[in-house]
N, C-alpha and C. Protein backbone atom coordinates (compact mmCIF):
# COMPACT_ATOMS: atom_id res chain seq x y z
N MET A 1 23.59 -10.84 20.81
CA MET A 1 22.21 -11.28 20.77
C MET A 1 22.17 -12.80 20.80
N THR A 2 21.36 -13.36 21.65
CA THR A 2 21.22 -14.81 21.77
C THR A 2 20.01 -15.27 20.97
N THR A 3 20.21 -16.33 20.20
CA THR A 3 19.12 -16.89 19.42
C THR A 3 18.48 -18.01 20.22
N ARG A 4 17.17 -17.95 20.34
CA ARG A 4 16.46 -18.99 21.07
C ARG A 4 16.26 -20.21 20.18
N PRO A 5 16.27 -21.40 20.77
CA PRO A 5 16.02 -22.61 19.98
C PRO A 5 14.63 -22.58 19.36
N THR A 6 14.52 -23.16 18.18
CA THR A 6 13.25 -23.21 17.47
C THR A 6 12.45 -24.44 17.85
N GLY A 7 13.14 -25.47 18.34
CA GLY A 7 12.48 -26.74 18.61
C GLY A 7 12.59 -27.69 17.43
N PHE A 8 13.15 -27.19 16.32
CA PHE A 8 13.38 -28.02 15.15
C PHE A 8 14.88 -28.25 15.04
N GLU A 9 15.29 -29.50 15.23
CA GLU A 9 16.71 -29.83 15.30
C GLU A 9 17.50 -29.31 14.11
N TYR A 10 16.95 -29.46 12.89
CA TYR A 10 17.69 -29.04 11.70
C TYR A 10 17.87 -27.53 11.65
N LEU A 11 16.93 -26.77 12.18
CA LEU A 11 17.08 -25.31 12.21
C LEU A 11 18.01 -24.88 13.34
N ASP A 12 17.86 -25.51 14.49
CA ASP A 12 18.72 -25.15 15.62
C ASP A 12 20.19 -25.44 15.31
N ALA A 13 20.47 -26.50 14.57
CA ALA A 13 21.86 -26.85 14.23
C ALA A 13 22.50 -25.76 13.37
N MET A 14 21.71 -25.05 12.59
CA MET A 14 22.25 -23.99 11.74
C MET A 14 22.78 -22.82 12.55
N HIS A 15 22.25 -22.61 13.75
CA HIS A 15 22.73 -21.52 14.60
C HIS A 15 24.17 -21.75 15.04
N GLU A 16 24.61 -22.99 14.99
CA GLU A 16 25.98 -23.32 15.38
C GLU A 16 26.97 -23.00 14.25
N GLN A 17 26.48 -22.72 13.07
CA GLN A 17 27.32 -22.42 11.92
C GLN A 17 26.98 -21.02 11.41
N PRO A 18 27.70 -19.99 11.87
CA PRO A 18 27.40 -18.62 11.46
C PRO A 18 27.34 -18.47 9.94
N GLY A 19 26.37 -17.73 9.47
CA GLY A 19 26.24 -17.47 8.04
C GLY A 19 25.47 -18.53 7.28
N THR A 20 25.03 -19.58 7.96
CA THR A 20 24.30 -20.66 7.30
C THR A 20 22.87 -20.22 7.02
N VAL A 21 22.43 -20.48 5.82
CA VAL A 21 21.06 -20.16 5.41
C VAL A 21 20.42 -21.43 4.86
N PRO A 22 19.26 -21.81 5.38
CA PRO A 22 18.61 -23.01 4.83
C PRO A 22 18.04 -22.74 3.44
N ALA A 23 18.23 -23.67 2.55
CA ALA A 23 17.70 -23.54 1.19
C ALA A 23 16.56 -24.53 1.02
N PHE A 24 15.39 -24.01 0.68
CA PHE A 24 14.21 -24.83 0.47
C PHE A 24 13.85 -24.81 -1.01
N ALA A 25 13.47 -25.97 -1.55
CA ALA A 25 13.01 -26.04 -2.93
C ALA A 25 11.50 -25.76 -2.90
N HIS A 26 11.15 -24.51 -3.13
CA HIS A 26 9.75 -24.08 -3.09
C HIS A 26 8.97 -24.73 -4.23
N ARG A 27 7.95 -25.51 -3.87
CA ARG A 27 7.14 -26.25 -4.84
C ARG A 27 8.01 -27.15 -5.73
N GLY A 28 9.11 -27.60 -5.19
CA GLY A 28 10.00 -28.47 -5.95
C GLY A 28 10.92 -27.71 -6.90
N GLY A 29 11.09 -26.41 -6.67
CA GLY A 29 11.92 -25.63 -7.57
C GLY A 29 11.12 -25.14 -8.77
N ALA A 30 9.98 -24.59 -8.50
CA ALA A 30 8.97 -24.28 -9.51
C ALA A 30 9.46 -23.52 -10.74
N TYR A 31 10.43 -22.65 -10.59
CA TYR A 31 10.81 -21.82 -11.74
C TYR A 31 12.14 -22.25 -12.38
N HIS A 32 12.64 -23.41 -12.03
CA HIS A 32 13.88 -23.90 -12.66
C HIS A 32 13.57 -24.21 -14.12
N PRO A 33 14.41 -23.77 -15.06
CA PRO A 33 14.10 -23.97 -16.48
C PRO A 33 13.99 -25.44 -16.91
N ASP A 34 14.65 -26.35 -16.20
CA ASP A 34 14.57 -27.77 -16.57
C ASP A 34 13.21 -28.40 -16.26
N ILE A 35 12.44 -27.76 -15.39
CA ILE A 35 11.15 -28.34 -14.99
C ILE A 35 10.03 -27.31 -15.09
N GLU A 36 10.17 -26.35 -15.94
CA GLU A 36 9.18 -25.28 -16.06
C GLU A 36 7.77 -25.85 -16.24
N GLY A 37 6.85 -25.36 -15.45
CA GLY A 37 5.46 -25.80 -15.53
C GLY A 37 5.17 -27.08 -14.76
N LEU A 38 6.14 -27.62 -14.05
CA LEU A 38 5.94 -28.89 -13.34
C LEU A 38 5.95 -28.73 -11.82
N GLU A 39 5.65 -27.55 -11.32
CA GLU A 39 5.70 -27.36 -9.87
C GLU A 39 4.75 -28.30 -9.14
N ASN A 40 5.15 -28.68 -7.93
CA ASN A 40 4.37 -29.57 -7.07
C ASN A 40 4.13 -30.95 -7.68
N THR A 41 5.03 -31.41 -8.51
CA THR A 41 4.92 -32.75 -9.10
C THR A 41 6.05 -33.62 -8.58
N LEU A 42 5.90 -34.91 -8.71
CA LEU A 42 6.96 -35.81 -8.30
C LEU A 42 8.25 -35.49 -9.04
N ARG A 43 8.15 -35.20 -10.34
CA ARG A 43 9.36 -34.86 -11.12
C ARG A 43 10.04 -33.62 -10.57
N ALA A 44 9.27 -32.61 -10.17
CA ALA A 44 9.85 -31.38 -9.63
C ALA A 44 10.61 -31.67 -8.33
N PHE A 45 10.03 -32.49 -7.46
CA PHE A 45 10.70 -32.80 -6.20
C PHE A 45 11.91 -33.70 -6.42
N GLN A 46 11.84 -34.63 -7.37
CA GLN A 46 13.01 -35.45 -7.71
C GLN A 46 14.14 -34.57 -8.22
N HIS A 47 13.80 -33.61 -9.06
CA HIS A 47 14.80 -32.69 -9.61
C HIS A 47 15.46 -31.88 -8.49
N ALA A 48 14.67 -31.40 -7.55
CA ALA A 48 15.22 -30.65 -6.42
C ALA A 48 16.21 -31.49 -5.62
N VAL A 49 15.87 -32.75 -5.37
CA VAL A 49 16.77 -33.65 -4.65
C VAL A 49 18.04 -33.89 -5.47
N GLU A 50 17.91 -34.06 -6.78
CA GLU A 50 19.07 -34.23 -7.65
C GLU A 50 20.00 -33.02 -7.60
N LEU A 51 19.43 -31.83 -7.41
CA LEU A 51 20.22 -30.61 -7.31
C LEU A 51 20.87 -30.44 -5.94
N GLY A 52 20.49 -31.30 -4.98
CA GLY A 52 21.10 -31.25 -3.66
C GLY A 52 20.26 -30.62 -2.57
N TYR A 53 19.02 -30.27 -2.86
CA TYR A 53 18.17 -29.70 -1.83
C TYR A 53 17.84 -30.75 -0.79
N GLU A 54 17.90 -30.36 0.47
CA GLU A 54 17.53 -31.24 1.57
C GLU A 54 16.14 -30.93 2.10
N TYR A 55 15.66 -29.73 1.81
CA TYR A 55 14.36 -29.30 2.32
C TYR A 55 13.44 -28.98 1.16
N LEU A 56 12.29 -29.62 1.14
CA LEU A 56 11.30 -29.43 0.08
C LEU A 56 10.07 -28.77 0.69
N GLU A 57 9.42 -27.93 -0.09
CA GLU A 57 8.24 -27.23 0.40
C GLU A 57 7.13 -27.37 -0.62
N THR A 58 5.93 -27.56 -0.12
CA THR A 58 4.75 -27.57 -0.97
C THR A 58 3.58 -27.02 -0.17
N ASP A 59 2.55 -26.62 -0.84
CA ASP A 59 1.36 -26.12 -0.16
C ASP A 59 0.45 -27.30 0.17
N VAL A 60 -0.15 -27.25 1.34
CA VAL A 60 -1.09 -28.29 1.75
C VAL A 60 -2.37 -27.60 2.22
N HIS A 61 -3.47 -28.10 1.75
CA HIS A 61 -4.77 -27.59 2.17
C HIS A 61 -5.49 -28.72 2.88
N VAL A 62 -5.79 -28.53 4.14
CA VAL A 62 -6.44 -29.56 4.94
C VAL A 62 -7.96 -29.41 4.82
N THR A 63 -8.61 -30.54 4.65
CA THR A 63 -10.08 -30.54 4.54
C THR A 63 -10.71 -30.44 5.93
N GLN A 64 -12.00 -30.28 5.96
CA GLN A 64 -12.72 -30.13 7.22
C GLN A 64 -12.54 -31.35 8.14
N ASP A 65 -12.36 -32.54 7.55
CA ASP A 65 -12.16 -33.73 8.38
C ASP A 65 -10.68 -33.97 8.70
N MET A 66 -9.86 -32.92 8.52
CA MET A 66 -8.43 -32.92 8.89
C MET A 66 -7.59 -33.89 8.08
N THR A 67 -7.90 -34.07 6.81
CA THR A 67 -7.06 -34.86 5.93
C THR A 67 -6.47 -33.93 4.87
N ALA A 68 -5.38 -34.35 4.26
CA ALA A 68 -4.75 -33.58 3.19
C ALA A 68 -4.82 -34.42 1.91
N PRO A 69 -5.82 -34.18 1.08
CA PRO A 69 -5.96 -35.01 -0.13
C PRO A 69 -4.81 -34.81 -1.09
N PRO A 70 -4.44 -35.86 -1.82
CA PRO A 70 -3.29 -35.78 -2.71
C PRO A 70 -3.53 -35.04 -4.02
N ALA A 71 -4.71 -34.57 -4.28
CA ALA A 71 -5.00 -33.79 -5.50
C ALA A 71 -4.56 -34.51 -6.76
N SER A 72 -5.06 -35.68 -7.00
CA SER A 72 -4.77 -36.54 -8.15
C SER A 72 -3.32 -36.96 -8.28
N LYS A 73 -2.59 -36.87 -7.21
CA LYS A 73 -1.20 -37.35 -7.19
C LYS A 73 -1.10 -38.40 -6.09
N PRO A 74 -0.05 -39.20 -6.09
CA PRO A 74 0.09 -40.20 -5.02
C PRO A 74 0.15 -39.52 -3.66
N PRO A 75 -0.25 -40.20 -2.59
CA PRO A 75 -0.15 -39.61 -1.26
C PRO A 75 1.28 -39.17 -0.97
N ALA A 76 1.42 -38.10 -0.20
CA ALA A 76 2.74 -37.51 0.08
C ALA A 76 3.73 -38.55 0.58
N ARG A 77 3.29 -39.43 1.44
CA ARG A 77 4.22 -40.42 2.01
C ARG A 77 4.87 -41.26 0.91
N SER A 78 4.10 -41.66 -0.10
CA SER A 78 4.67 -42.52 -1.14
C SER A 78 5.69 -41.77 -2.00
N TRP A 79 5.44 -40.50 -2.35
CA TRP A 79 6.44 -39.83 -3.17
C TRP A 79 7.65 -39.42 -2.38
N VAL A 80 7.51 -39.15 -1.07
CA VAL A 80 8.68 -38.85 -0.25
C VAL A 80 9.54 -40.10 -0.14
N GLU A 81 8.91 -41.26 0.09
CA GLU A 81 9.66 -42.52 0.16
C GLU A 81 10.36 -42.79 -1.16
N THR A 82 9.72 -42.49 -2.28
CA THR A 82 10.34 -42.71 -3.60
C THR A 82 11.59 -41.84 -3.76
N LEU A 83 11.53 -40.61 -3.27
CA LEU A 83 12.68 -39.71 -3.41
C LEU A 83 13.89 -40.17 -2.65
N PHE A 84 13.69 -40.66 -1.44
CA PHE A 84 14.82 -40.92 -0.56
C PHE A 84 15.16 -42.39 -0.39
N ASN A 85 14.50 -43.28 -1.09
CA ASN A 85 14.82 -44.71 -1.01
C ASN A 85 15.44 -45.19 -2.30
């Protein structure tokens, strides 16, 4: 069976390594005991990066004017830059 490319370089690269499964930190690792109750927070995403996760996931709700409000947290760009800089 041939796997078709996804168009996402990081996913397509996994097809070259049989048995590879991408690991995503859902909501920053929402149920990890060290950060219980802190899902979708900067601390949760920092913790996921400290654990070695390369892929982070969070829910985004776009408003009618096509913006994604930060919901009383810093804009996504600033916390992503904080994690990886």
